[in-house]
N, C-alpha and C. Protein backbone atom coordinates (compact mmCIF):
# COMPACT_ATOMS: atom_id res chain seq x y z
N MET A 1 46.15 95.09 12.31
CA MET A 1 44.24 94.57 12.25
C MET A 1 43.55 94.75 13.11
N GLN A 2 43.69 95.61 14.53
CA GLN A 2 42.46 96.01 14.82
C GLN A 2 41.94 97.25 13.94
N SER A 3 42.59 97.86 13.72
CA SER A 3 41.72 98.50 12.36
C SER A 3 41.65 98.70 11.28
N LEU A 4 41.62 96.91 10.92
CA LEU A 4 40.94 96.75 9.73
C LEU A 4 39.48 96.63 10.49
N TYR A 5 40.15 95.63 11.33
CA TYR A 5 38.32 95.33 11.66
C TYR A 5 37.02 96.78 11.83
N LYS A 6 38.17 97.38 13.11
CA LYS A 6 36.71 99.02 13.38
C LYS A 6 36.59 99.53 11.67
N ARG A 7 37.14 99.58 10.68
CA ARG A 7 37.17 100.38 9.40
C ARG A 7 36.23 99.26 9.16
N GLN A 8 36.03 97.30 9.10
CA GLN A 8 34.84 96.54 8.32
C GLN A 8 33.76 96.99 8.89
N ALA A 9 33.47 97.41 10.49
CA ALA A 9 32.40 97.05 10.83
C ALA A 9 31.70 98.89 10.94
N ILE A 10 32.66 99.42 10.97
CA ILE A 10 32.33 101.10 10.97
C ILE A 10 31.43 101.38 9.09
N PHE A 11 31.75 100.22 8.26
CA PHE A 11 30.57 99.59 6.88
C PHE A 11 30.20 99.48 7.23
N TRP A 12 29.98 98.25 7.36
CA TRP A 12 28.91 97.13 7.63
C TRP A 12 27.64 97.54 7.81
N ILE A 13 27.50 98.62 9.47
CA ILE A 13 27.53 99.44 10.17
C ILE A 13 27.07 100.27 9.14
N SER A 14 27.66 101.28 9.11
CA SER A 14 26.15 102.32 8.03
C SER A 14 26.12 101.78 6.65
N LEU A 15 26.16 101.13 6.23
CA LEU A 15 25.95 100.73 5.25
C LEU A 15 24.26 100.00 5.42
N ALA A 16 24.25 99.33 6.83
CA ALA A 16 23.24 98.71 6.88
C ALA A 16 21.89 100.52 7.93
N LEU A 17 22.64 101.25 8.71
CA LEU A 17 22.01 102.00 8.63
C LEU A 17 21.27 102.79 7.58
N PHE A 18 22.25 103.43 5.82
CA PHE A 18 21.59 104.26 5.16
C PHE A 18 20.72 103.34 4.36
N LEU A 19 20.76 101.47 3.99
CA LEU A 19 19.92 100.99 3.64
C LEU A 19 18.76 101.45 5.13
N ALA A 20 18.40 101.21 6.19
CA ALA A 20 17.38 100.73 6.83
C ALA A 20 16.83 102.30 6.80
N TRP A 21 17.67 103.25 6.82
CA TRP A 21 17.22 105.22 6.61
C TRP A 21 15.91 105.25 4.86
N ASP A 22 16.40 104.20 4.19
CA ASP A 22 16.25 104.61 2.48
C ASP A 22 14.88 103.76 2.54
N PHE A 23 14.90 102.33 2.95
CA PHE A 23 13.83 101.63 3.24
C PHE A 23 12.25 102.85 4.10
N THR A 24 12.96 102.94 5.52
CA THR A 24 11.43 104.03 5.87
C THR A 24 11.33 105.32 5.08
N SER A 25 12.53 105.78 4.93
CA SER A 25 12.46 107.48 4.12
C SER A 25 11.21 106.81 2.58
N SER A 26 11.24 106.05 1.56
CA SER A 26 10.67 106.10 0.31
C SER A 26 9.86 105.49 0.36
N VAL A 27 9.30 106.13 -0.52
CA VAL A 27 7.75 105.43 -0.83
C VAL A 27 7.55 103.89 -1.56
N PRO A 28 6.78 103.56 -1.30
CA PRO A 28 6.52 101.57 -1.44
C PRO A 28 6.45 101.50 -3.09
N VAL A 29 7.37 101.12 -3.22
CA VAL A 29 7.14 100.50 -4.44
C VAL A 29 5.43 100.00 -5.36
N ASP A 30 4.68 100.46 -6.32
CA ASP A 30 4.07 99.43 -6.14
C ASP A 30 4.43 98.42 -7.60
N LEU A 31 4.58 97.02 -7.84
CA LEU A 31 4.76 96.28 -7.92
C LEU A 31 3.96 96.46 -9.56
N ARG A 32 2.64 95.86 -9.67
CA ARG A 32 1.56 95.93 -10.26
C ARG A 32 1.65 96.99 -11.12
N ASN A 33 2.80 98.66 -10.77
CA ASN A 33 2.58 99.54 -12.18
C ASN A 33 4.03 99.62 -12.83
N GLU A 34 4.68 98.65 -11.92
CA GLU A 34 5.61 98.91 -12.73
C GLU A 34 5.79 98.12 -14.16
N PRO A 35 6.54 98.35 -15.25
CA PRO A 35 6.92 97.88 -16.44
C PRO A 35 7.39 96.35 -16.83
N PRO A 36 7.27 95.54 -17.16
CA PRO A 36 8.24 94.17 -17.66
C PRO A 36 9.66 94.70 -17.46
N LEU A 37 10.64 93.71 -17.14
CA LEU A 37 12.26 94.21 -17.31
C LEU A 37 12.26 93.79 -18.84
N ILE A 38 11.64 92.94 -19.19
CA ILE A 38 12.15 91.67 -20.49
C ILE A 38 10.25 91.62 -21.17
N ALA A 39 10.50 92.94 -22.12
CA ALA A 39 9.16 92.33 -22.36
C ALA A 39 8.63 91.50 -23.60
N ALA A 40 9.94 90.96 -23.82
CA ALA A 40 10.21 89.98 -26.13
C ALA A 40 9.37 89.52 -26.29
N GLY A 41 8.36 89.40 -27.22
CA GLY A 41 6.84 88.63 -27.82
C GLY A 41 6.06 88.63 -26.34
N SER A 42 5.68 89.37 -25.96
CA SER A 42 4.82 89.36 -24.92
C SER A 42 4.20 90.56 -25.27
N GLY A 43 3.72 90.96 -26.65
CA GLY A 43 2.72 91.50 -27.10
C GLY A 43 3.18 92.93 -27.16
N GLN A 44 3.63 93.20 -25.75
CA GLN A 44 3.56 94.69 -25.71
C GLN A 44 4.31 95.17 -25.68
N ALA A 45 4.13 96.75 -25.98
CA ALA A 45 4.75 97.71 -26.55
C ALA A 45 6.12 98.53 -25.84
N THR A 46 6.44 98.74 -26.12
CA THR A 46 7.63 99.54 -25.53
C THR A 46 7.60 100.81 -25.16
N SER A 47 7.80 101.16 -24.08
CA SER A 47 8.07 102.67 -23.30
C SER A 47 9.49 102.93 -23.49
N GLY A 48 9.42 105.04 -24.20
CA GLY A 48 11.43 104.57 -23.44
C GLY A 48 12.35 103.88 -24.51
N GLY A 49 13.31 103.90 -23.71
CA GLY A 49 14.25 103.26 -25.60
C GLY A 49 15.19 104.54 -25.70
N HIS A 50 16.20 103.81 -26.82
CA HIS A 50 16.72 104.40 -27.37
C HIS A 50 15.92 105.90 -27.80
N CYS A 51 16.85 106.61 -28.46
CA CYS A 51 15.91 107.79 -28.65
C CYS A 51 15.54 107.73 -30.21
N SER A 52 16.40 106.95 -31.46
CA SER A 52 15.68 107.09 -32.14
C SER A 52 14.87 105.84 -32.84
N MET A 53 14.48 105.05 -31.62
CA MET A 53 12.74 104.50 -31.75
C MET A 53 11.85 105.22 -32.82
N ALA A 54 11.17 104.28 -33.41
CA ALA A 54 9.68 104.16 -33.81
C ALA A 54 8.55 104.45 -32.75
N LYS A 55 8.81 105.80 -33.24
CA LYS A 55 7.42 105.70 -32.33
C LYS A 55 6.05 105.32 -32.32
């Protein structure tokens, strides 16, 4: 049982360290410049998508 708790602790500490490193080393996300996740019916043209889409 002790080994299981050690492995779980190592996992969670590693995950927390990775997330902290990623947060500090990444450029901030500009939410105003991001495309909407769902633009259905909004009148905005889609960018990207399937290669057979009409341009």
